[in-house]
């Protein structure tokens, strides 16, 4: 009996976020290699041996794994002056004056 388009033999399927066996084995292998070869002291020592420029580049790349990603924002209100900081200051003044109690 053939399957209909869009349906599989297992309608429940694999749970979300569960890797297949080979992918999980490879991830576990990589974790083991890293854990057995790199300690905090070893990483700190290796970083100290790098040039300041290279060290900074690596630290900036590592920040992607620690800090949340920022989503871009857009300034929607513009004035004729074209001065961004003046516009922001005016918006802040306007917000402060409307939020104060009489």
C-alpha atoms as a PDB file:
ATOM      1  CA  UNK A   1       0.000   0.000   0.000  1.00  0.00           C
ATOM      2  CA  UNK A   2       1.532   3.303  -1.067  1.00  0.00           C
ATOM      3  CA  UNK A   3       1.573   6.337   1.180  1.00  0.00           C
ATOM      4  CA  UNK A   4      -0.443   9.359   0.235  1.00  0.00           C
ATOM      5  CA  UNK A   5       1.389  12.587  -0.506  1.00  0.00           C
ATOM      6  CA  UNK A   6       2.248  14.444   2.705  1.00  0.00           C
ATOM      7  CA  UNK A   7       1.814  11.387   4.927  1.00  0.00           C
ATOM      8  CA  UNK A   8       4.447   9.057   6.299  1.00  0.00           C
ATOM      9  CA  UNK A   9       4.389   5.520   7.614  1.00  0.00           C
ATOM     10  CA  UNK A  10       4.748   6.920  11.143  1.00  0.00           C
ATOM     11  CA  UNK A  11       2.200   9.702  11.650  1.00  0.00           C
ATOM     12  CA  UNK A  12       3.515  10.469  15.149  1.00  0.00           C
ATOM     13  CA  UNK A  13       7.089  10.759  13.855  1.00  0.00           C
ATOM     14  CA  UNK A  14      10.232  11.619  15.770  1.00  0.00           C
ATOM     15  CA  UNK A  15       9.816  14.071  18.628  1.00  0.00           C
ATOM     16  CA  UNK A  16      10.989  17.613  17.952  1.00  0.00           C
ATOM     17  CA  UNK A  17      14.620  18.233  18.928  1.00  0.00           C
ATOM     18  CA  UNK A  18      15.603  14.549  18.950  1.00  0.00           C
ATOM     19  CA  UNK A  19      18.596  13.823  16.718  1.00  0.00           C
ATOM     20  CA  UNK A  20      19.043  10.662  14.731  1.00  0.00           C
ATOM     21  CA  UNK A  21      21.480   8.110  16.145  1.00  0.00           C
ATOM     22  CA  UNK A  22      24.506   8.980  14.008  1.00  0.00           C
ATOM     23  CA  UNK A  23      24.144  12.720  14.654  1.00  0.00           C
ATOM     24  CA  UNK A  24      23.887  12.139  18.417  1.00  0.00           C
ATOM     25  CA  UNK A  25      26.930   9.843  18.376  1.00  0.00           C
ATOM     26  CA  UNK A  26      28.955  12.461  16.496  1.00  0.00           C
ATOM     27  CA  UNK A  27      27.896  15.233  18.913  1.00  0.00           C
ATOM     28  CA  UNK A  28      28.848  13.041  21.888  1.00  0.00           C
ATOM     29  CA  UNK A  29      32.239  12.300  20.287  1.00  0.00           C
ATOM     30  CA  UNK A  30      32.959  16.019  19.750  1.00  0.00           C
ATOM     31  CA  UNK A  31      31.962  16.812  23.348  1.00  0.00           C
ATOM     32  CA  UNK A  32      34.276  14.084  24.619  1.00  0.00           C
ATOM     33  CA  UNK A  33      37.218  15.324  22.528  1.00  0.00           C
ATOM     34  CA  UNK A  34      36.734  18.886  23.755  1.00  0.00           C
ATOM     35  CA  UNK A  35      36.243  17.870  27.389  1.00  0.00           C
ATOM     36  CA  UNK A  36      39.343  15.665  27.440  1.00  0.00           C
ATOM     37  CA  UNK A  37      41.649  18.138  25.680  1.00  0.00           C
ATOM     38  CA  UNK A  38      40.578  21.537  26.953  1.00  0.00           C
ATOM     39  CA  UNK A  39      40.251  22.757  30.504  1.00  0.00           C
ATOM     40  CA  UNK A  40      39.702  26.335  31.633  1.00  0.00           C
ATOM     41  CA  UNK A  41      43.411  26.672  32.422  1.00  0.00           C
ATOM     42  CA  UNK A  42      44.443  25.238  29.045  1.00  0.00           C
ATOM     43  CA  UNK A  43      42.142  27.605  27.151  1.00  0.00           C
ATOM     44  CA  UNK A  44      43.345  30.587  29.214  1.00  0.00           C
ATOM     45  CA  UNK A  45      46.980  29.617  28.561  1.00  0.00           C
ATOM     46  CA  UNK A  46      46.342  29.214  24.821  1.00  0.00           C
ATOM     47  CA  UNK A  47      44.599  32.598  24.654  1.00  0.00           C
ATOM     48  CA  UNK A  48      47.513  34.315  26.418  1.00  0.00           C
ATOM     49  CA  UNK A  49      49.902  32.930  23.802  1.00  0.00           C
ATOM     50  CA  UNK A  50      47.976  34.564  20.951  1.00  0.00           C
ATOM     51  CA  UNK A  51      48.556  38.045  19.637  1.00  0.00           C
ATOM     52  CA  UNK A  52      46.186  40.666  21.097  1.00  0.00           C
ATOM     53  CA  UNK A  53      44.375  41.039  17.763  1.00  0.00           C
ATOM     54  CA  UNK A  54      43.795  37.304  17.323  1.00  0.00           C
ATOM     55  CA  UNK A  55      42.788  36.939  20.977  1.00  0.00           C
ATOM     56  CA  UNK A  56      40.163  39.673  20.578  1.00  0.00           C
ATOM     57  CA  UNK A  57      38.832  38.117  17.372  1.00  0.00           C
ATOM     58  CA  UNK A  58      38.385  34.746  19.090  1.00  0.00           C
ATOM     59  CA  UNK A  59      36.743  36.279  22.154  1.00  0.00           C
ATOM     60  CA  UNK A  60      34.316  38.197  19.937  1.00  0.00           C
ATOM     61  CA  UNK A  61      33.399  34.981  18.115  1.00  0.00           C
ATOM     62  CA  UNK A  62      32.843  33.201  21.428  1.00  0.00           C
ATOM     63  CA  UNK A  63      30.468  35.951  22.571  1.00  0.00           C
ATOM     64  CA  UNK A  64      27.951  34.698  19.985  1.00  0.00           C
ATOM     65  CA  UNK A  65      27.503  31.617  22.179  1.00  0.00           C
ATOM     66  CA  UNK A  66      27.030  33.603  25.401  1.00  0.00           C
ATOM     67  CA  UNK A  67      25.071  36.739  24.572  1.00  0.00           C
ATOM     68  CA  UNK A  68      21.577  36.724  23.057  1.00  0.00           C
ATOM     69  CA  UNK A  69      21.207  37.835  19.471  1.00  0.00           C
ATOM     70  CA  UNK A  70      19.920  41.370  19.083  1.00  0.00           C
ATOM     71  CA  UNK A  71      17.154  42.003  16.636  1.00  0.00           C
ATOM     72  CA  UNK A  72      17.438  45.095  14.445  1.00  0.00           C
ATOM     73  CA  UNK A  73      15.258  48.056  15.300  1.00  0.00           C
ATOM     74  CA  UNK A  74      14.138  50.892  13.109  1.00  0.00           C
ATOM     75  CA  UNK A  75      13.614  54.517  14.046  1.00  0.00           C
ATOM     76  CA  UNK A  76      10.216  55.413  12.654  1.00  0.00           C
ATOM     77  CA  UNK A  77       9.888  59.055  13.711  1.00  0.00           C
ATOM     78  CA  UNK A  78      12.122  61.515  11.885  1.00  0.00           C
ATOM     79  CA  UNK A  79      12.356  65.280  11.883  1.00  0.00           C
ATOM     80  CA  UNK A  80      13.634  67.708   9.271  1.00  0.00           C
ATOM     81  CA  UNK A  81      16.870  68.373  11.159  1.00  0.00           C
ATOM     82  CA  UNK A  82      18.351  64.976  10.302  1.00  0.00           C
ATOM     83  CA  UNK A  83      20.271  64.907  13.601  1.00  0.00           C
ATOM     84  CA  UNK A  84      19.649  61.502  15.144  1.00  0.00           C
ATOM     85  CA  UNK A  85      20.775  62.411  18.663  1.00  0.00           C
ATOM     86  CA  UNK A  86      18.691  65.574  18.708  1.00  0.00           C
ATOM     87  CA  UNK A  87      15.666  63.517  17.681  1.00  0.00           C
ATOM     88  CA  UNK A  88      16.278  61.020  20.466  1.00  0.00           C
ATOM     89  CA  UNK A  89      16.703  63.809  23.026  1.00  0.00           C
ATOM     90  CA  UNK A  90      13.447  65.418  21.904  1.00  0.00           C
ATOM     91  CA  UNK A  91      11.604  62.111  22.189  1.00  0.00           C
ATOM     92  CA  UNK A  92      12.983  61.577  25.690  1.00  0.00           C
ATOM     93  CA  UNK A  93      11.974  65.082  26.769  1.00  0.00           C
ATOM     94  CA  UNK A  94       8.491  64.592  25.379  1.00  0.00           C
ATOM     95  CA  UNK A  95       8.106  61.235  27.138  1.00  0.00           C
ATOM     96  CA  UNK A  96       9.341  62.648  30.453  1.00  0.00           C
ATOM     97  CA  UNK A  97       7.001  65.640  30.298  1.00  0.00           C
ATOM     98  CA  UNK A  98       3.944  63.447  29.632  1.00  0.00           C
ATOM     99  CA  UNK A  99       4.801  60.920  32.361  1.00  0.00           C
ATOM    100  CA  UNK A 100       5.162  63.474  35.183  1.00  0.00           C
ATOM    101  CA  UNK A 101       2.252  63.871  37.576  1.00  0.00           C
ATOM    102  CA  UNK A 102       0.685  67.345  37.957  1.00  0.00           C
END
